Amino acid sequence: MVRGNKLDKVIVVKLGGATLGSHDTTIEDIVYLQKQGRPLVIVHGGANLVTEWLAKQGISSRFVQGERVTDEATLEVVTSVLAGLVNKEIVAAIIAAGGQAVGISGADGALIQGRIKDKELGYVGAVVKVNPAPLLALLQSGFVPVVAPVSLHSFDKPDTARRLLTLMAIM
C-alpha cells in the first residue's frame, strides 16, 4: 500500500493491446503482486481494437510517422474503445482473477493534462501535467488503477476544440 503521497515505490505496467486476449500470465502476475502488497498502476493501449472499431464505423485510419491521425470522429471512437471497452475488460479480468481494480482515464480527476502534440496529427496529445491525487486515492484504498490513454485538452486549447486528447504515443 502507498503511504502518504509518494509514488516512488509504485510499479507501472504498460499493458499493450496485443497482450489483451492472449494466453500470457500478465493479469495473474498483476493480481499476485497486488496480493503481495505491491502498489501497481496499469497503463494500457489498444490500438488494434481501435482500428477494428474505426473500420466498423466506416472511418479509415491514416498514420503520420507511425501515429494515428485523430480527427473528431476518430477521437470519439478512440475514447469509447479505450476508456470504455478496453479499460473495463482489463478491470474485469483483474477482478475475475481475484484482484481489486478501478478503471479510469487520464481525463478523470484531471489525472493527465495535455496539449496538441502536432497539428498534423489532430487530437493527439502530449502530456504537460500529471495530477497524482486520483492514483494515490485508489492505491491507498487497495485498488490497482487501470488508466486509459485519454487526457484533458488543458493547454493551448482553442475555444472550439474538443476537451479530450488521445495519448497514442503510450499505446
N, C-alpha and C. Protein backbone atom coordinates (compact mmCIF):
# COMPACT_ATOMS: atom_id res chain seq x y z
N MET A 1 0.85 -1.18 0.00
CA MET A 1 0.00 0.00 0.00
C MET A 1 0.89 1.24 0.00
N VAL A 2 0.42 2.28 -0.64
CA VAL A 2 1.15 3.54 -0.70
C VAL A 2 0.82 4.35 0.54
N ARG A 3 1.84 4.82 1.20
CA ARG A 3 1.64 5.65 2.40
C ARG A 3 1.95 7.10 2.05
N GLY A 4 1.19 8.02 2.63
CA GLY A 4 1.42 9.43 2.34
C GLY A 4 1.05 9.73 0.90
N ASN A 5 1.87 10.51 0.24
CA ASN A 5 1.58 10.85 -1.15
C ASN A 5 2.74 10.50 -2.06
N LYS A 6 3.48 9.45 -1.72
CA LYS A 6 4.65 9.05 -2.51
C LYS A 6 4.28 7.97 -3.51
N LEU A 7 4.73 8.18 -4.73
CA LEU A 7 4.51 7.19 -5.77
C LEU A 7 5.82 6.50 -6.17
N ASP A 8 6.91 6.73 -5.42
CA ASP A 8 8.21 6.21 -5.82
C ASP A 8 8.33 4.69 -5.75
N LYS A 9 7.49 4.02 -5.02
CA LYS A 9 7.54 2.56 -4.91
C LYS A 9 6.52 1.86 -5.81
N VAL A 10 5.77 2.64 -6.56
CA VAL A 10 4.71 2.09 -7.40
C VAL A 10 5.31 1.47 -8.66
N ILE A 11 4.80 0.30 -9.01
CA ILE A 11 5.19 -0.37 -10.25
C ILE A 11 4.18 0.05 -11.32
N VAL A 12 4.68 0.60 -12.41
CA VAL A 12 3.82 0.98 -13.53
C VAL A 12 3.98 -0.09 -14.61
N VAL A 13 2.87 -0.67 -15.00
CA VAL A 13 2.86 -1.72 -16.01
C VAL A 13 2.19 -1.18 -17.26
N LYS A 14 2.91 -1.22 -18.38
CA LYS A 14 2.33 -0.84 -19.68
C LYS A 14 1.76 -2.10 -20.30
N LEU A 15 0.47 -2.15 -20.44
CA LEU A 15 -0.21 -3.31 -20.98
C LEU A 15 -0.63 -2.99 -22.41
N GLY A 16 0.06 -3.57 -23.38
CA GLY A 16 -0.22 -3.32 -24.78
C GLY A 16 -1.46 -4.04 -25.25
N GLY A 17 -2.05 -3.51 -26.27
CA GLY A 17 -3.25 -4.11 -26.82
C GLY A 17 -3.04 -5.52 -27.32
N ALA A 18 -1.83 -5.85 -27.77
CA ALA A 18 -1.55 -7.20 -28.26
C ALA A 18 -1.63 -8.23 -27.13
N THR A 19 -1.41 -7.79 -25.90
CA THR A 19 -1.48 -8.69 -24.75
C THR A 19 -2.92 -9.07 -24.43
N LEU A 20 -3.83 -8.16 -24.71
CA LEU A 20 -5.23 -8.39 -24.37
C LEU A 20 -5.76 -9.60 -25.13
N GLY A 21 -6.30 -10.54 -24.40
CA GLY A 21 -6.86 -11.72 -25.02
C GLY A 21 -5.85 -12.80 -25.33
N SER A 22 -4.57 -12.54 -25.10
CA SER A 22 -3.57 -13.57 -25.36
C SER A 22 -3.50 -14.52 -24.16
N HIS A 23 -2.70 -15.53 -24.29
CA HIS A 23 -2.64 -16.55 -23.24
C HIS A 23 -1.44 -16.37 -22.33
N ASP A 24 -1.02 -15.11 -22.11
CA ASP A 24 0.09 -14.91 -21.19
C ASP A 24 -0.44 -14.77 -19.76
N THR A 25 0.43 -14.55 -18.82
CA THR A 25 0.04 -14.52 -17.41
C THR A 25 0.04 -13.11 -16.82
N THR A 26 -0.03 -12.11 -17.66
CA THR A 26 0.07 -10.73 -17.17
C THR A 26 -0.97 -10.42 -16.10
N ILE A 27 -2.21 -10.73 -16.34
CA ILE A 27 -3.27 -10.43 -15.35
C ILE A 27 -3.01 -11.17 -14.06
N GLU A 28 -2.68 -12.44 -14.15
CA GLU A 28 -2.40 -13.22 -12.94
C GLU A 28 -1.19 -12.66 -12.19
N ASP A 29 -0.18 -12.22 -12.93
CA ASP A 29 1.00 -11.62 -12.31
C ASP A 29 0.65 -10.33 -11.59
N ILE A 30 -0.21 -9.52 -12.20
CA ILE A 30 -0.66 -8.28 -11.57
C ILE A 30 -1.38 -8.57 -10.26
N VAL A 31 -2.29 -9.53 -10.29
CA VAL A 31 -3.04 -9.90 -9.08
C VAL A 31 -2.09 -10.46 -8.01
N TYR A 32 -1.15 -11.29 -8.42
CA TYR A 32 -0.17 -11.85 -7.47
C TYR A 32 0.59 -10.71 -6.77
N LEU A 33 1.11 -9.76 -7.55
CA LEU A 33 1.85 -8.65 -6.97
C LEU A 33 0.97 -7.80 -6.06
N GLN A 34 -0.28 -7.58 -6.47
CA GLN A 34 -1.20 -6.82 -5.63
C GLN A 34 -1.41 -7.52 -4.30
N LYS A 35 -1.60 -8.83 -4.33
CA LYS A 35 -1.81 -9.58 -3.09
C LYS A 35 -0.56 -9.61 -2.21
N GLN A 36 0.60 -9.38 -2.79
CA GLN A 36 1.85 -9.28 -2.03
C GLN A 36 2.03 -7.88 -1.42
N GLY A 37 1.07 -6.99 -1.70
CA GLY A 37 1.13 -5.64 -1.16
C GLY A 37 1.90 -4.65 -2.02
N ARG A 38 2.23 -5.05 -3.24
CA ARG A 38 2.96 -4.15 -4.14
C ARG A 38 1.99 -3.22 -4.83
N PRO A 39 2.18 -1.91 -4.73
CA PRO A 39 1.28 -0.98 -5.42
C PRO A 39 1.58 -0.95 -6.92
N LEU A 40 0.55 -1.10 -7.72
CA LEU A 40 0.69 -1.13 -9.17
C LEU A 40 -0.28 -0.15 -9.82
N VAL A 41 0.16 0.41 -10.94
CA VAL A 41 -0.70 1.20 -11.82
C VAL A 41 -0.55 0.59 -13.20
N ILE A 42 -1.66 0.31 -13.84
CA ILE A 42 -1.67 -0.24 -15.19
C ILE A 42 -2.01 0.89 -16.15
N VAL A 43 -1.19 1.04 -17.18
CA VAL A 43 -1.47 1.97 -18.28
C VAL A 43 -1.62 1.10 -19.52
N HIS A 44 -2.71 1.21 -20.23
CA HIS A 44 -2.95 0.29 -21.34
C HIS A 44 -3.08 1.00 -22.68
N GLY A 45 -2.94 0.18 -23.69
CA GLY A 45 -3.16 0.61 -25.06
C GLY A 45 -4.40 -0.07 -25.60
N GLY A 46 -4.37 -0.35 -26.89
CA GLY A 46 -5.50 -0.98 -27.54
C GLY A 46 -5.67 -0.52 -28.97
N ALA A 47 -4.56 -0.13 -29.60
CA ALA A 47 -4.62 0.44 -30.95
C ALA A 47 -5.24 -0.50 -31.97
N ASN A 48 -4.97 -1.80 -31.85
CA ASN A 48 -5.54 -2.75 -32.82
C ASN A 48 -7.07 -2.79 -32.72
N LEU A 49 -7.59 -2.77 -31.50
CA LEU A 49 -9.04 -2.76 -31.32
C LEU A 49 -9.64 -1.44 -31.80
N VAL A 50 -8.91 -0.34 -31.59
CA VAL A 50 -9.37 0.96 -32.11
C VAL A 50 -9.50 0.89 -33.63
N THR A 51 -8.49 0.33 -34.29
CA THR A 51 -8.52 0.21 -35.75
C THR A 51 -9.73 -0.62 -36.19
N GLU A 52 -9.98 -1.71 -35.49
CA GLU A 52 -11.12 -2.57 -35.80
C GLU A 52 -12.45 -1.81 -35.66
N TRP A 53 -12.61 -1.06 -34.57
CA TRP A 53 -13.84 -0.32 -34.34
C TRP A 53 -13.99 0.86 -35.30
N LEU A 54 -12.88 1.49 -35.67
CA LEU A 54 -12.96 2.55 -36.67
C LEU A 54 -13.47 1.99 -38.00
N ALA A 55 -12.97 0.82 -38.37
CA ALA A 55 -13.41 0.17 -39.61
C ALA A 55 -14.91 -0.16 -39.54
N LYS A 56 -15.37 -0.64 -38.37
CA LYS A 56 -16.80 -0.94 -38.20
C LYS A 56 -17.66 0.31 -38.39
N GLN A 57 -17.11 1.47 -38.05
CA GLN A 57 -17.83 2.73 -38.19
C GLN A 57 -17.62 3.37 -39.56
N GLY A 58 -16.84 2.71 -40.41
CA GLY A 58 -16.57 3.25 -41.74
C GLY A 58 -15.58 4.41 -41.73
N ILE A 59 -14.76 4.48 -40.71
CA ILE A 59 -13.77 5.55 -40.58
C ILE A 59 -12.41 4.96 -40.90
N SER A 60 -11.75 5.50 -41.91
CA SER A 60 -10.44 4.97 -42.28
C SER A 60 -9.36 5.58 -41.38
N SER A 61 -8.33 4.80 -41.13
CA SER A 61 -7.20 5.26 -40.32
C SER A 61 -6.11 5.79 -41.23
N ARG A 62 -5.52 6.88 -40.82
CA ARG A 62 -4.38 7.46 -41.52
C ARG A 62 -3.29 7.67 -40.49
N PHE A 63 -2.07 7.35 -40.87
CA PHE A 63 -0.95 7.45 -39.95
C PHE A 63 0.10 8.41 -40.50
N VAL A 64 0.71 9.17 -39.60
CA VAL A 64 1.82 10.06 -39.94
C VAL A 64 2.96 9.69 -38.98
N GLN A 65 4.08 9.29 -39.52
CA GLN A 65 5.23 8.87 -38.73
C GLN A 65 4.84 7.86 -37.65
N GLY A 66 4.00 6.91 -38.02
CA GLY A 66 3.61 5.83 -37.11
C GLY A 66 2.53 6.17 -36.11
N GLU A 67 2.00 7.38 -36.13
CA GLU A 67 0.95 7.76 -35.18
C GLU A 67 -0.35 8.01 -35.93
N ARG A 68 -1.45 7.55 -35.32
CA ARG A 68 -2.76 7.70 -35.93
C ARG A 68 -3.18 9.17 -35.93
N VAL A 69 -3.63 9.67 -37.07
CA VAL A 69 -4.21 11.00 -37.15
C VAL A 69 -5.60 10.90 -36.52
N THR A 70 -5.88 11.79 -35.58
CA THR A 70 -7.11 11.70 -34.80
C THR A 70 -7.97 12.94 -35.02
N ASP A 71 -8.93 12.81 -35.95
CA ASP A 71 -9.90 13.89 -36.15
C ASP A 71 -11.03 13.71 -35.12
N GLU A 72 -12.07 14.54 -35.21
CA GLU A 72 -13.14 14.47 -34.21
C GLU A 72 -13.85 13.13 -34.18
N ALA A 73 -14.16 12.58 -35.34
CA ALA A 73 -14.85 11.28 -35.39
C ALA A 73 -13.96 10.18 -34.82
N THR A 74 -12.68 10.21 -35.16
CA THR A 74 -11.74 9.21 -34.65
C THR A 74 -11.60 9.36 -33.14
N LEU A 75 -11.55 10.59 -32.64
CA LEU A 75 -11.44 10.84 -31.20
C LEU A 75 -12.59 10.20 -30.44
N GLU A 76 -13.79 10.31 -30.99
CA GLU A 76 -14.95 9.71 -30.33
C GLU A 76 -14.82 8.19 -30.23
N VAL A 77 -14.38 7.54 -31.30
CA VAL A 77 -14.23 6.09 -31.29
C VAL A 77 -13.07 5.68 -30.38
N VAL A 78 -11.94 6.38 -30.49
CA VAL A 78 -10.78 6.06 -29.65
C VAL A 78 -11.14 6.17 -28.18
N THR A 79 -11.81 7.25 -27.80
CA THR A 79 -12.20 7.43 -26.40
C THR A 79 -13.16 6.34 -25.95
N SER A 80 -14.14 6.03 -26.78
CA SER A 80 -15.11 4.99 -26.43
C SER A 80 -14.45 3.63 -26.26
N VAL A 81 -13.58 3.27 -27.19
CA VAL A 81 -12.95 1.95 -27.16
C VAL A 81 -11.94 1.86 -26.02
N LEU A 82 -11.08 2.87 -25.87
CA LEU A 82 -10.02 2.78 -24.86
C LEU A 82 -10.52 3.02 -23.44
N ALA A 83 -11.28 4.09 -23.23
CA ALA A 83 -11.75 4.41 -21.89
C ALA A 83 -12.97 3.57 -21.51
N GLY A 84 -13.59 2.96 -22.50
CA GLY A 84 -14.75 2.10 -22.25
C GLY A 84 -14.38 0.63 -22.34
N LEU A 85 -14.51 0.07 -23.52
CA LEU A 85 -14.37 -1.37 -23.72
C LEU A 85 -13.05 -1.94 -23.23
N VAL A 86 -11.93 -1.42 -23.69
CA VAL A 86 -10.64 -2.00 -23.31
C VAL A 86 -10.39 -1.84 -21.82
N ASN A 87 -10.62 -0.65 -21.31
CA ASN A 87 -10.38 -0.38 -19.89
C ASN A 87 -11.21 -1.30 -19.01
N LYS A 88 -12.48 -1.43 -19.32
CA LYS A 88 -13.37 -2.24 -18.48
C LYS A 88 -13.09 -3.74 -18.61
N GLU A 89 -12.62 -4.18 -19.79
CA GLU A 89 -12.22 -5.59 -19.95
C GLU A 89 -11.02 -5.92 -19.06
N ILE A 90 -10.06 -5.00 -18.97
CA ILE A 90 -8.88 -5.22 -18.12
C ILE A 90 -9.29 -5.23 -16.65
N VAL A 91 -10.12 -4.27 -16.26
CA VAL A 91 -10.61 -4.23 -14.89
C VAL A 91 -11.35 -5.53 -14.55
N ALA A 92 -12.23 -5.96 -15.44
CA ALA A 92 -12.99 -7.19 -15.21
C ALA A 92 -12.07 -8.40 -15.10
N ALA A 93 -11.03 -8.45 -15.92
CA ALA A 93 -10.08 -9.58 -15.87
C ALA A 93 -9.33 -9.61 -14.55
N ILE A 94 -8.91 -8.44 -14.06
CA ILE A 94 -8.21 -8.38 -12.76
C ILE A 94 -9.13 -8.83 -11.64
N ILE A 95 -10.37 -8.35 -11.64
CA ILE A 95 -11.33 -8.72 -10.61
C ILE A 95 -11.64 -10.22 -10.69
N ALA A 96 -11.82 -10.75 -11.90
CA ALA A 96 -12.10 -12.18 -12.07
C ALA A 96 -10.95 -13.05 -11.57
N ALA A 97 -9.73 -12.52 -11.63
CA ALA A 97 -8.56 -13.26 -11.16
C ALA A 97 -8.31 -13.08 -9.66
N GLY A 98 -9.21 -12.35 -9.00
CA GLY A 98 -9.11 -12.20 -7.55
C GLY A 98 -8.50 -10.89 -7.07
N GLY A 99 -8.26 -9.96 -7.98
CA GLY A 99 -7.68 -8.67 -7.59
C GLY A 99 -8.74 -7.61 -7.42
N GLN A 100 -8.27 -6.40 -7.11
CA GLN A 100 -9.15 -5.24 -6.99
C GLN A 100 -8.63 -4.17 -7.93
N ALA A 101 -9.49 -3.67 -8.80
CA ALA A 101 -9.07 -2.68 -9.78
C ALA A 101 -10.19 -1.68 -10.04
N VAL A 102 -9.79 -0.48 -10.44
CA VAL A 102 -10.73 0.56 -10.85
C VAL A 102 -10.20 1.15 -12.14
N GLY A 103 -11.07 1.25 -13.14
CA GLY A 103 -10.67 1.82 -14.42
C GLY A 103 -10.95 3.30 -14.48
N ILE A 104 -9.96 4.05 -14.95
CA ILE A 104 -10.09 5.49 -15.14
C ILE A 104 -9.38 5.86 -16.44
N SER A 105 -9.58 7.08 -16.86
CA SER A 105 -8.81 7.60 -17.99
C SER A 105 -7.98 8.77 -17.46
N GLY A 106 -7.11 9.27 -18.29
CA GLY A 106 -6.33 10.43 -17.90
C GLY A 106 -7.19 11.67 -17.69
N ALA A 107 -8.41 11.67 -18.22
CA ALA A 107 -9.31 12.81 -18.03
C ALA A 107 -9.93 12.80 -16.63
N ASP A 108 -10.07 11.63 -16.03
CA ASP A 108 -10.72 11.53 -14.72
C ASP A 108 -9.84 12.15 -13.64
N GLY A 109 -10.45 13.03 -12.86
CA GLY A 109 -9.71 13.69 -11.80
C GLY A 109 -8.58 14.58 -12.30
N ALA A 110 -8.64 14.96 -13.59
CA ALA A 110 -7.57 15.74 -14.22
C ALA A 110 -6.22 15.05 -14.03
N LEU A 111 -6.24 13.71 -14.13
CA LEU A 111 -5.03 12.92 -13.95
C LEU A 111 -3.94 13.33 -14.94
N ILE A 112 -4.30 13.39 -16.23
CA ILE A 112 -3.33 13.76 -17.26
C ILE A 112 -3.90 14.94 -18.05
N GLN A 113 -3.10 15.98 -18.14
CA GLN A 113 -3.49 17.17 -18.89
C GLN A 113 -2.46 17.40 -19.99
N GLY A 114 -2.95 17.76 -21.16
CA GLY A 114 -2.02 17.90 -22.27
C GLY A 114 -2.38 19.00 -23.23
N ARG A 115 -1.59 19.03 -24.30
CA ARG A 115 -1.80 19.95 -25.41
C ARG A 115 -1.64 19.16 -26.69
N ILE A 116 -2.08 19.71 -27.79
CA ILE A 116 -1.92 19.07 -29.10
C ILE A 116 -0.43 18.89 -29.36
N LYS A 117 -0.07 17.67 -29.70
CA LYS A 117 1.34 17.34 -29.95
C LYS A 117 1.84 17.92 -31.26
N ASP A 118 1.02 17.75 -32.29
CA ASP A 118 1.38 18.19 -33.64
C ASP A 118 0.07 18.40 -34.39
N LYS A 119 -0.16 19.59 -34.91
CA LYS A 119 -1.44 19.89 -35.57
C LYS A 119 -1.76 18.91 -36.68
N GLU A 120 -0.73 18.37 -37.34
CA GLU A 120 -0.95 17.41 -38.42
C GLU A 120 -1.58 16.12 -37.91
N LEU A 121 -1.41 15.81 -36.62
CA LEU A 121 -1.96 14.59 -36.03
C LEU A 121 -3.36 14.77 -35.46
N GLY A 122 -3.85 15.99 -35.43
CA GLY A 122 -5.18 16.24 -34.89
C GLY A 122 -5.18 16.20 -33.37
N TYR A 123 -6.13 15.46 -32.80
CA TYR A 123 -6.32 15.42 -31.35
C TYR A 123 -5.42 14.38 -30.66
N VAL A 124 -4.16 14.36 -31.03
CA VAL A 124 -3.16 13.53 -30.35
C VAL A 124 -2.42 14.44 -29.40
N GLY A 125 -2.38 14.05 -28.13
CA GLY A 125 -1.82 14.93 -27.12
C GLY A 125 -0.41 14.60 -26.69
N ALA A 126 0.22 15.62 -26.14
CA ALA A 126 1.49 15.50 -25.45
C ALA A 126 1.20 15.85 -23.99
N VAL A 127 1.70 15.04 -23.08
CA VAL A 127 1.45 15.25 -21.65
C VAL A 127 2.20 16.50 -21.19
N VAL A 128 1.48 17.37 -20.49
CA VAL A 128 2.07 18.58 -19.93
C VAL A 128 2.10 18.50 -18.41
N LYS A 129 1.04 17.95 -17.82
CA LYS A 129 0.90 17.94 -16.37
C LYS A 129 0.21 16.65 -15.92
N VAL A 130 0.69 16.11 -14.81
CA VAL A 130 0.08 14.92 -14.22
C VAL A 130 -0.32 15.24 -12.79
N ASN A 131 -1.55 14.92 -12.44
CA ASN A 131 -2.07 15.11 -11.09
C ASN A 131 -2.16 13.72 -10.44
N PRO A 132 -1.24 13.37 -9.54
CA PRO A 132 -1.23 12.02 -8.98
C PRO A 132 -2.33 11.74 -7.96
N ALA A 133 -3.09 12.74 -7.53
CA ALA A 133 -4.09 12.55 -6.47
C ALA A 133 -5.07 11.41 -6.74
N PRO A 134 -5.64 11.29 -7.95
CA PRO A 134 -6.57 10.16 -8.16
C PRO A 134 -5.88 8.80 -8.01
N LEU A 135 -4.65 8.69 -8.49
CA LEU A 135 -3.92 7.42 -8.34
C LEU A 135 -3.65 7.12 -6.88
N LEU A 136 -3.21 8.13 -6.15
CA LEU A 136 -2.92 7.94 -4.73
C LEU A 136 -4.16 7.50 -3.96
N ALA A 137 -5.29 8.12 -4.24
CA ALA A 137 -6.54 7.75 -3.56
C ALA A 137 -6.89 6.29 -3.82
N LEU A 138 -6.77 5.87 -5.07
CA LEU A 138 -7.08 4.48 -5.41
C LEU A 138 -6.08 3.51 -4.79
N LEU A 139 -4.80 3.83 -4.89
CA LEU A 139 -3.76 2.96 -4.33
C LEU A 139 -3.90 2.84 -2.82
N GLN A 140 -4.16 3.95 -2.14
CA GLN A 140 -4.31 3.92 -0.69
C GLN A 140 -5.54 3.13 -0.26
N SER A 141 -6.50 2.99 -1.15
CA SER A 141 -7.71 2.20 -0.87
C SER A 141 -7.55 0.74 -1.27
N GLY A 142 -6.37 0.37 -1.78
CA GLY A 142 -6.11 -1.02 -2.12
C GLY A 142 -6.45 -1.43 -3.54
N PHE A 143 -6.71 -0.46 -4.42
CA PHE A 143 -7.07 -0.77 -5.79
C PHE A 143 -5.89 -0.60 -6.73
N VAL A 144 -5.91 -1.35 -7.82
CA VAL A 144 -4.98 -1.14 -8.93
C VAL A 144 -5.69 -0.18 -9.90
N PRO A 145 -5.16 1.03 -10.09
CA PRO A 145 -5.74 1.90 -11.10
C PRO A 145 -5.38 1.39 -12.50
N VAL A 146 -6.36 1.32 -13.37
CA VAL A 146 -6.15 0.92 -14.76
C VAL A 146 -6.45 2.16 -15.60
N VAL A 147 -5.41 2.73 -16.21
CA VAL A 147 -5.51 4.04 -16.84
C VAL A 147 -5.57 3.93 -18.37
N ALA A 148 -6.64 4.48 -18.94
CA ALA A 148 -6.79 4.55 -20.39
C ALA A 148 -6.06 5.80 -20.90
N PRO A 149 -5.44 5.70 -22.09
CA PRO A 149 -4.65 6.80 -22.63
C PRO A 149 -5.48 7.90 -23.29
N VAL A 150 -6.28 8.56 -22.48
CA VAL A 150 -7.09 9.70 -22.90
C VAL A 150 -6.81 10.80 -21.88
N SER A 151 -6.58 12.03 -22.35
CA SER A 151 -6.28 13.11 -21.42
C SER A 151 -7.19 14.30 -21.64
N LEU A 152 -7.10 15.23 -20.71
CA LEU A 152 -7.78 16.51 -20.89
C LEU A 152 -6.97 17.38 -21.85
N HIS A 153 -7.67 18.12 -22.67
CA HIS A 153 -7.03 19.10 -23.56
C HIS A 153 -7.02 20.42 -22.78
N SER A 154 -6.00 20.61 -21.95
CA SER A 154 -5.98 21.71 -20.99
C SER A 154 -5.10 22.89 -21.37
N PHE A 155 -4.16 22.69 -22.27
CA PHE A 155 -3.20 23.74 -22.58
C PHE A 155 -3.29 24.13 -24.05
N ASP A 156 -3.25 25.43 -24.31
CA ASP A 156 -3.29 25.97 -25.67
C ASP A 156 -4.52 25.50 -26.43
N LYS A 157 -5.64 25.35 -25.74
CA LYS A 157 -6.86 24.84 -26.36
C LYS A 157 -7.68 25.98 -26.95
N PRO A 158 -7.91 25.96 -28.26
CA PRO A 158 -8.83 26.94 -28.85
C PRO A 158 -10.24 26.73 -28.28
N ASP A 159 -11.02 27.78 -28.20
CA ASP A 159 -12.36 27.70 -27.62
C ASP A 159 -13.24 26.65 -28.27
N THR A 160 -13.08 26.43 -29.57
CA THR A 160 -13.95 25.49 -30.29
C THR A 160 -13.41 24.06 -30.33
N ALA A 161 -12.24 23.82 -29.77
CA ALA A 161 -11.63 22.49 -29.83
C ALA A 161 -12.25 21.54 -28.81
N ARG A 162 -12.13 20.26 -29.07
CA ARG A 162 -12.62 19.22 -28.16
C ARG A 162 -11.85 19.29 -26.85
N ARG A 163 -12.45 18.79 -25.78
CA ARG A 163 -11.85 18.83 -24.45
C ARG A 163 -10.98 17.63 -24.15
N LEU A 164 -10.95 16.65 -25.04
CA LEU A 164 -10.17 15.43 -24.82
C LEU A 164 -9.08 15.29 -25.88
N LEU A 165 -8.05 14.56 -25.52
CA LEU A 165 -6.97 14.20 -26.44
C LEU A 165 -6.67 12.73 -26.26
N THR A 166 -6.18 12.10 -27.30
CA THR A 166 -5.68 10.73 -27.16
C THR A 166 -4.18 10.82 -26.90
N LEU A 167 -3.68 9.83 -26.24
CA LEU A 167 -2.24 9.75 -25.97
C LEU A 167 -1.70 8.54 -26.67
N MET A 168 -1.71 8.60 -27.98
CA MET A 168 -1.34 7.45 -28.81
C MET A 168 0.09 7.01 -28.59
N ALA A 169 0.97 7.90 -28.18
CA ALA A 169 2.37 7.54 -28.01
C ALA A 169 2.54 6.49 -26.93
N ILE A 170 1.61 6.42 -25.96
CA ILE A 170 1.75 5.41 -24.93
C ILE A 170 0.96 4.15 -25.26
N MET A 171 0.35 4.13 -26.41
CA MET A 171 -0.43 2.95 -26.80
C MET A 171 0.45 1.92 -27.43
